[in-house]
Amino acid sequence: MKDGMFKVLSSIFLVIIIVLSNVVWLSLNQVRDLENKNNDLENLSDSLQNKIGLLQTLRLESLQFNGYDNPVGVVWNYKFLIKVLNNGAGDVDGLALTYNISSNFNVSREVVIYDPYQGSEIITWELEKSYMLGIVKQGENKEVYGLIWNNLNDVAKLRGSTFIVTLKLEDTVIDQTAITF
């Protein structure tokens, strides 16, 4: 009987050891998972703090309507200037501008970004598409000049409409401004 009792006690003891080691293993895995999640939260918090800092130092300095231009026949251009200011502690890369036009009419258009000193076109900027600014250096006031090309039919559609420009870093809206024609 002693042999049978010893085997039963040994089996119970072995089962207890296996259960306890599984509990310890599961607990250690949960601790590691919690540590990983804590690290992820700390990284997210740092990223949000950086974005908050950018929100405080980057802005659309101005959006100016610079008059009209009539280069050929029935075309009428609305000229504008956008200034982006970086008052931050360092250079910022990845900034983009998007624009939209609020109108009672269905207005779809492309805007031309140009070099005012050479009078040459740099890029065609499409409605609601991003125009990448490149690196905006610390203390820099980056200027973007543009034209909204219209024919005589469009001029009536744009009168009283609003040109809205949004400054973004990745998917984060940094600033927004607008002018009405």
C-alpha atoms as a PDB file:
ATOM      1  CA  MET A   1       0.000   0.000   0.000  1.00  0.00           C
ATOM      2  CA  LYS A   2       2.919   2.274   0.678  1.00  0.00           C
ATOM      3  CA  ASP A   3       4.095   1.917  -2.920  1.00  0.00           C
ATOM      4  CA  GLY A   4       0.620   2.794  -4.254  1.00  0.00           C
ATOM      5  CA  MET A   5       0.337   5.784  -1.934  1.00  0.00           C
ATOM      6  CA  PHE A   6       3.807   6.976  -2.953  1.00  0.00           C
ATOM      7  CA  LYS A   7       2.900   6.743  -6.666  1.00  0.00           C
ATOM      8  CA  VAL A   8      -0.325   8.710  -6.088  1.00  0.00           C
ATOM      9  CA  LEU A   9       1.445  11.396  -4.060  1.00  0.00           C
ATOM     10  CA  SER A  10       4.260  11.571  -6.624  1.00  0.00           C
ATOM     11  CA  SER A  11       1.710  11.962  -9.430  1.00  0.00           C
ATOM     12  CA  ILE A  12      -0.163  14.678  -7.524  1.00  0.00           C
ATOM     13  CA  PHE A  13       3.104  16.456  -6.748  1.00  0.00           C
ATOM     14  CA  LEU A  14       4.151  16.241 -10.434  1.00  0.00           C
ATOM     15  CA  VAL A  15       0.779  17.632 -11.568  1.00  0.00           C
ATOM     16  CA  ILE A  16       1.094  20.505  -9.061  1.00  0.00           C
ATOM     17  CA  ILE A  17       4.601  21.310 -10.345  1.00  0.00           C
ATOM     18  CA  ILE A  18       3.388  21.260 -13.973  1.00  0.00           C
ATOM     19  CA  VAL A  19       0.406  23.502 -13.156  1.00  0.00           C
ATOM     20  CA  LEU A  20       2.580  25.939 -11.192  1.00  0.00           C
ATOM     21  CA  SER A  21       5.184  26.129 -13.962  1.00  0.00           C
ATOM     22  CA  ASN A  22       2.412  26.817 -16.516  1.00  0.00           C
ATOM     23  CA  VAL A  23       1.010  29.556 -14.266  1.00  0.00           C
ATOM     24  CA  VAL A  24       4.467  31.122 -13.920  1.00  0.00           C
ATOM     25  CA  TRP A  25       5.067  30.846 -17.698  1.00  0.00           C
ATOM     26  CA  LEU A  26       1.689  32.468 -18.473  1.00  0.00           C
ATOM     27  CA  SER A  27       2.314  35.203 -15.902  1.00  0.00           C
ATOM     28  CA  LEU A  28       5.729  35.997 -17.375  1.00  0.00           C
ATOM     29  CA  ASN A  29       4.219  36.176 -20.890  1.00  0.00           C
ATOM     30  CA  GLN A  30       1.506  38.517 -19.659  1.00  0.00           C
ATOM     31  CA  VAL A  31       4.114  40.716 -17.961  1.00  0.00           C
ATOM     32  CA  ARG A  32       6.129  40.826 -21.223  1.00  0.00           C
ATOM     33  CA  ASP A  33       2.985  41.697 -23.195  1.00  0.00           C
ATOM     34  CA  LEU A  34       2.151  44.471 -20.735  1.00  0.00           C
ATOM     35  CA  GLU A  35       5.707  45.811 -20.948  1.00  0.00           C
ATOM     36  CA  ASN A  36       5.492  45.833 -24.768  1.00  0.00           C
ATOM     37  CA  LYS A  37       2.148  47.620 -24.667  1.00  0.00           C
ATOM     38  CA  ASN A  38       3.548  50.132 -22.176  1.00  0.00           C
ATOM     39  CA  ASN A  39       6.510  50.794 -24.509  1.00  0.00           C
ATOM     40  CA  ASP A  40       4.098  51.249 -27.431  1.00  0.00           C
ATOM     41  CA  LEU A  41       2.064  53.743 -25.385  1.00  0.00           C
ATOM     42  CA  GLU A  42       5.205  55.665 -24.399  1.00  0.00           C
ATOM     43  CA  ASN A  43       6.266  55.842 -28.076  1.00  0.00           C
ATOM     44  CA  LEU A  44       2.794  57.009 -29.061  1.00  0.00           C
ATOM     45  CA  SER A  45       2.863  59.627 -26.305  1.00  0.00           C
ATOM     46  CA  ASP A  46       6.255  60.895 -27.537  1.00  0.00           C
ATOM     47  CA  SER A  47       4.952  61.047 -31.102  1.00  0.00           C
ATOM     48  CA  LEU A  48       1.868  62.989 -29.986  1.00  0.00           C
ATOM     49  CA  GLN A  49       4.023  65.405 -27.978  1.00  0.00           C
ATOM     50  CA  ASN A  50       6.146  66.015 -31.080  1.00  0.00           C
ATOM     51  CA  LYS A  51       3.024  66.663 -33.169  1.00  0.00           C
ATOM     52  CA  ILE A  52       1.671  69.037 -30.532  1.00  0.00           C
ATOM     53  CA  GLY A  53       4.991  70.897 -30.662  1.00  0.00           C
ATOM     54  CA  LEU A  54       4.702  71.119 -34.448  1.00  0.00           C
ATOM     55  CA  LEU A  55       1.144  72.391 -34.171  1.00  0.00           C
ATOM     56  CA  GLN A  56       2.462  75.228 -32.029  1.00  0.00           C
ATOM     57  CA  THR A  57       5.369  76.160 -34.312  1.00  0.00           C
ATOM     58  CA  LEU A  58       4.156  75.567 -37.883  1.00  0.00           C
ATOM     59  CA  ARG A  59       1.430  77.648 -39.446  1.00  0.00           C
ATOM     60  CA  LEU A  60       0.060  79.174 -42.570  1.00  0.00           C
ATOM     61  CA  GLU A  61       1.422  82.684 -42.146  1.00  0.00           C
ATOM     62  CA  SER A  62      -0.886  84.064 -44.818  1.00  0.00           C
ATOM     63  CA  LEU A  63      -2.988  83.344 -47.858  1.00  0.00           C
ATOM     64  CA  GLN A  64      -3.184  86.432 -50.038  1.00  0.00           C
ATOM     65  CA  PHE A  65      -5.214  87.182 -53.109  1.00  0.00           C
ATOM     66  CA  ASN A  66      -2.822  88.995 -55.438  1.00  0.00           C
ATOM     67  CA  GLY A  67      -5.236  90.240 -58.079  1.00  0.00           C
ATOM     68  CA  TYR A  68      -6.209  89.157 -61.538  1.00  0.00           C
ATOM     69  CA  ASP A  69      -4.308  88.482 -64.699  1.00  0.00           C
ATOM     70  CA  ASN A  70      -5.599  88.182 -68.263  1.00  0.00           C
ATOM     71  CA  PRO A  71      -2.778  86.586 -70.273  1.00  0.00           C
ATOM     72  CA  VAL A  72      -4.733  85.508 -73.368  1.00  0.00           C
ATOM     73  CA  GLY A  73      -8.216  85.959 -74.818  1.00  0.00           C
ATOM     74  CA  VAL A  74     -10.929  84.539 -72.601  1.00  0.00           C
ATOM     75  CA  VAL A  75      -8.709  83.341 -69.744  1.00  0.00           C
ATOM     76  CA  TRP A  76      -8.874  85.106 -66.393  1.00  0.00           C
ATOM     77  CA  ASN A  77      -6.402  84.156 -63.630  1.00  0.00           C
ATOM     78  CA  TYR A  78      -6.835  84.551 -59.900  1.00  0.00           C
ATOM     79  CA  LYS A  79      -3.346  85.030 -58.423  1.00  0.00           C
ATOM     80  CA  PHE A  80      -2.559  83.964 -54.867  1.00  0.00           C
ATOM     81  CA  LEU A  81       0.352  83.673 -52.453  1.00  0.00           C
ATOM     82  CA  ILE A  82       0.615  81.163 -49.595  1.00  0.00           C
ATOM     83  CA  LYS A  83       3.230  81.630 -46.854  1.00  0.00           C
ATOM     84  CA  VAL A  84       4.177  78.783 -44.508  1.00  0.00           C
ATOM     85  CA  LEU A  85       6.165  79.704 -41.391  1.00  0.00           C
ATOM     86  CA  ASN A  86       8.329  77.335 -39.306  1.00  0.00           C
ATOM     87  CA  ASN A  87       9.030  78.868 -35.873  1.00  0.00           C
ATOM     88  CA  GLY A  88      10.146  75.514 -34.482  1.00  0.00           C
ATOM     89  CA  ALA A  89      13.435  74.307 -33.075  1.00  0.00           C
ATOM     90  CA  GLY A  90      14.423  72.493 -36.267  1.00  0.00           C
ATOM     91  CA  ASP A  91      13.777  71.815 -39.929  1.00  0.00           C
ATOM     92  CA  VAL A  92      10.572  69.972 -40.875  1.00  0.00           C
ATOM     93  CA  ASP A  93      10.228  67.573 -43.789  1.00  0.00           C
ATOM     94  CA  GLY A  94       7.022  66.039 -45.120  1.00  0.00           C
ATOM     95  CA  LEU A  95       4.771  69.106 -45.037  1.00  0.00           C
ATOM     96  CA  ALA A  96       2.082  69.268 -47.676  1.00  0.00           C
ATOM     97  CA  LEU A  97      -0.594  71.723 -48.789  1.00  0.00           C
ATOM     98  CA  THR A  98      -4.019  70.734 -50.055  1.00  0.00           C
ATOM     99  CA  TYR A  99      -6.739  73.009 -51.365  1.00  0.00           C
ATOM    100  CA  ASN A 100     -10.433  72.967 -52.004  1.00  0.00           C
ATOM    101  CA  ILE A 101     -12.862  75.464 -53.484  1.00  0.00           C
ATOM    102  CA  SER A 102     -16.272  75.904 -51.925  1.00  0.00           C
ATOM    103  CA  SER A 103     -18.766  76.962 -54.555  1.00  0.00           C
ATOM    104  CA  ASN A 104     -22.459  76.550 -55.257  1.00  0.00           C
ATOM    105  CA  PHE A 105     -21.381  75.194 -58.633  1.00  0.00           C
ATOM    106  CA  ASN A 106     -19.547  72.013 -59.503  1.00  0.00           C
ATOM    107  CA  VAL A 107     -16.050  73.453 -59.816  1.00  0.00           C
ATOM    108  CA  SER A 108     -13.226  71.091 -60.601  1.00  0.00           C
ATOM    109  CA  ARG A 109      -9.935  72.672 -61.385  1.00  0.00           C
ATOM    110  CA  GLU A 110      -6.216  72.550 -61.352  1.00  0.00           C
ATOM    111  CA  VAL A 111      -4.070  75.290 -59.897  1.00  0.00           C
ATOM    112  CA  VAL A 112      -0.693  76.185 -61.343  1.00  0.00           C
ATOM    113  CA  ILE A 113       2.203  76.700 -58.926  1.00  0.00           C
ATOM    114  CA  TYR A 114       4.838  78.908 -60.501  1.00  0.00           C
ATOM    115  CA  ASP A 115       8.147  80.635 -59.923  1.00  0.00           C
ATOM    116  CA  PRO A 116       7.282  84.365 -59.758  1.00  0.00           C
ATOM    117  CA  TYR A 117      10.828  85.449 -60.524  1.00  0.00           C
ATOM    118  CA  GLN A 118      11.145  83.461 -63.735  1.00  0.00           C
ATOM    119  CA  GLY A 119       7.428  83.390 -64.557  1.00  0.00           C
ATOM    120  CA  SER A 120       7.629  79.674 -65.249  1.00  0.00           C
ATOM    121  CA  GLU A 121       5.259  76.916 -64.210  1.00  0.00           C
ATOM    122  CA  ILE A 122       6.617  74.508 -61.602  1.00  0.00           C
ATOM    123  CA  ILE A 123       3.727  72.085 -61.176  1.00  0.00           C
ATOM    124  CA  THR A 124       0.007  71.655 -61.742  1.00  0.00           C
ATOM    125  CA  TRP A 125      -1.703  71.197 -58.370  1.00  0.00           C
ATOM    126  CA  GLU A 126      -4.958  69.240 -58.491  1.00  0.00           C
ATOM    127  CA  LEU A 127      -8.022  69.854 -56.349  1.00  0.00           C
ATOM    128  CA  GLU A 128      -7.753  68.027 -52.976  1.00  0.00           C
ATOM    129  CA  LYS A 129      -4.342  66.540 -53.897  1.00  0.00           C
ATOM    130  CA  SER A 130      -1.202  67.177 -51.850  1.00  0.00           C
ATOM    131  CA  TYR A 131       1.481  69.623 -52.929  1.00  0.00           C
ATOM    132  CA  MET A 132       4.659  68.630 -51.093  1.00  0.00           C
ATOM    133  CA  LEU A 133       6.634  71.581 -49.733  1.00  0.00           C
ATOM    134  CA  GLY A 134       9.885  69.703 -49.171  1.00  0.00           C
ATOM    135  CA  ILE A 135      12.000  70.760 -46.209  1.00  0.00           C
ATOM    136  CA  VAL A 136      10.886  73.925 -44.429  1.00  0.00           C
ATOM    137  CA  LYS A 137      13.905  75.143 -42.494  1.00  0.00           C
ATOM    138  CA  GLN A 138      13.806  76.545 -38.982  1.00  0.00           C
ATOM    139  CA  GLY A 139      12.728  80.187 -39.124  1.00  0.00           C
ATOM    140  CA  GLU A 140      11.902  79.938 -42.835  1.00  0.00           C
ATOM    141  CA  ASN A 141       8.888  81.623 -44.364  1.00  0.00           C
ATOM    142  CA  LYS A 142       8.279  79.440 -47.443  1.00  0.00           C
ATOM    143  CA  GLU A 143       6.262  81.087 -50.224  1.00  0.00           C
ATOM    144  CA  VAL A 144       4.072  79.340 -52.789  1.00  0.00           C
ATOM    145  CA  TYR A 145       2.746  81.406 -55.707  1.00  0.00           C
ATOM    146  CA  GLY A 146      -0.157  80.182 -57.795  1.00  0.00           C
ATOM    147  CA  LEU A 147      -2.772  80.911 -60.406  1.00  0.00           C
ATOM    148  CA  ILE A 148      -6.298  79.618 -60.725  1.00  0.00           C
ATOM    149  CA  TRP A 149      -6.998  79.567 -64.469  1.00  0.00           C
ATOM    150  CA  ASN A 150     -10.552  80.330 -65.572  1.00  0.00           C
ATOM    151  CA  ASN A 151     -12.353  80.840 -68.811  1.00  0.00           C
ATOM    152  CA  LEU A 152     -15.271  83.294 -68.969  1.00  0.00           C
ATOM    153  CA  ASN A 153     -17.801  80.609 -67.964  1.00  0.00           C
ATOM    154  CA  ASP A 154     -15.841  79.791 -64.777  1.00  0.00           C
ATOM    155  CA  VAL A 155     -15.436  83.381 -63.589  1.00  0.00           C
ATOM    156  CA  ALA A 156     -19.109  83.577 -62.665  1.00  0.00           C
ATOM    157  CA  LYS A 157     -18.782  80.246 -60.832  1.00  0.00           C
ATOM    158  CA  LEU A 158     -15.849  81.424 -58.732  1.00  0.00           C
ATOM    159  CA  ARG A 159     -17.239  84.829 -57.710  1.00  0.00           C
ATOM    160  CA  GLY A 160     -18.119  84.571 -54.026  1.00  0.00           C
ATOM    161  CA  SER A 161     -16.542  81.122 -53.659  1.00  0.00           C
ATOM    162  CA  THR A 162     -13.898  80.365 -51.061  1.00  0.00           C
ATOM    163  CA  PHE A 163     -10.396  79.040 -51.711  1.00  0.00           C
ATOM    164  CA  ILE A 164      -9.417  76.875 -48.698  1.00  0.00           C
ATOM    165  CA  VAL A 165      -5.793  75.834 -48.083  1.00  0.00           C
ATOM    166  CA  THR A 166      -4.803  73.199 -45.519  1.00  0.00           C
ATOM    167  CA  LEU A 167      -1.287  72.565 -44.163  1.00  0.00           C
ATOM    168  CA  LYS A 168      -0.649  68.914 -43.223  1.00  0.00           C
ATOM    169  CA  LEU A 169       2.138  66.783 -41.842  1.00  0.00           C
ATOM    170  CA  GLU A 170       1.395  63.215 -42.862  1.00  0.00           C
ATOM    171  CA  ASP A 171      -2.297  62.842 -41.957  1.00  0.00           C
ATOM    172  CA  THR A 172      -2.286  65.527 -39.256  1.00  0.00           C
ATOM    173  CA  VAL A 173      -3.880  68.874 -40.079  1.00  0.00           C
ATOM    174  CA  ILE A 174      -1.552  71.598 -38.814  1.00  0.00           C
ATOM    175  CA  ASP A 175      -3.375  74.729 -39.990  1.00  0.00           C
ATOM    176  CA  GLN A 176      -6.053  75.902 -42.389  1.00  0.00           C
ATOM    177  CA  THR A 177      -6.938  79.266 -43.926  1.00  0.00           C
ATOM    178  CA  ALA A 178      -9.213  80.610 -46.626  1.00  0.00           C
ATOM    179  CA  ILE A 179      -9.931  83.592 -48.891  1.00  0.00           C
ATOM    180  CA  THR A 180     -13.093  84.490 -50.756  1.00  0.00           C
ATOM    181  CA  PHE A 181     -13.005  85.707 -54.350  1.00  0.00           C
END
